[in-house]
Amino acid sequence: MSELVLLAGFFGILGLLLWLGFDSDDDNGGGGLMQPSLVPIPVRRHR
């Protein structure tokens, strides 16, 4: 019985690592969190 629980835990951790590895948002693939774009802000030089 303990072998079955250990095997299920191993496959669970392996599946979680694969899911987190393939679903990363740092590749700018078009979805999820992306880098913000810088927008120029006009600054007044005189009062």
Protein backbone atom coordinates (compact mmCIF):
# COMPACT_ATOMS: atom_id res chain seq x y z
CA MET A 1 0.00 0.00 0.00
CA SER A 2 2.83 2.41 0.79
CA GLU A 3 4.35 1.78 -2.65
CA LEU A 4 1.10 2.87 -4.27
CA VAL A 5 0.98 6.10 -2.24
CA LEU A 6 4.65 6.79 -2.98
CA LEU A 7 4.13 6.19 -6.70
CA ALA A 8 1.05 8.43 -6.76
CA GLY A 9 3.00 11.17 -4.96
CA PHE A 10 5.89 10.86 -7.38
CA PHE A 11 3.62 11.15 -10.40
CA GLY A 12 1.77 14.04 -8.76
CA ILE A 13 4.96 16.00 -8.19
CA LEU A 14 6.20 15.17 -11.67
CA GLY A 15 2.92 16.32 -13.20
CA LEU A 16 2.98 19.54 -11.18
CA LEU A 17 6.52 20.33 -12.30
CA LEU A 18 5.65 19.67 -15.93
CA TRP A 19 2.49 21.79 -15.67
CA LEU A 20 4.37 24.70 -14.10
CA GLY A 21 7.19 24.37 -16.63
CA PHE A 22 5.00 24.40 -19.73
CA ASP A 23 2.59 27.04 -18.38
CA SER A 24 5.19 29.68 -17.60
CA ASP A 25 4.29 33.28 -18.42
CA ASP A 26 7.82 34.58 -18.82
CA ASP A 27 8.19 33.65 -22.49
CA ASN A 28 5.99 36.51 -23.83
CA GLY A 29 3.91 33.95 -25.71
CA GLY A 30 0.91 36.24 -25.88
CA GLY A 31 -0.96 35.33 -22.73
CA GLY A 32 -0.78 35.91 -19.04
CA LEU A 33 1.63 38.33 -17.43
CA MET A 34 3.77 40.30 -19.85
CA GLN A 35 6.36 43.03 -19.49
CA PRO A 36 4.86 46.52 -19.17
CA SER A 37 5.50 48.94 -22.01
CA LEU A 38 7.05 52.29 -21.17
CA VAL A 39 4.90 55.28 -22.12
CA PRO A 40 6.54 58.72 -22.41
CA ILE A 41 5.04 61.35 -20.08
CA PRO A 42 5.29 65.00 -21.13
CA VAL A 43 7.09 67.20 -18.59
CA ARG A 44 6.62 70.96 -18.34
CA ARG A 45 9.89 72.89 -18.33
CA HIS A 46 8.36 76.29 -17.41
CA ARG A 47 5.80 77.37 -14.84
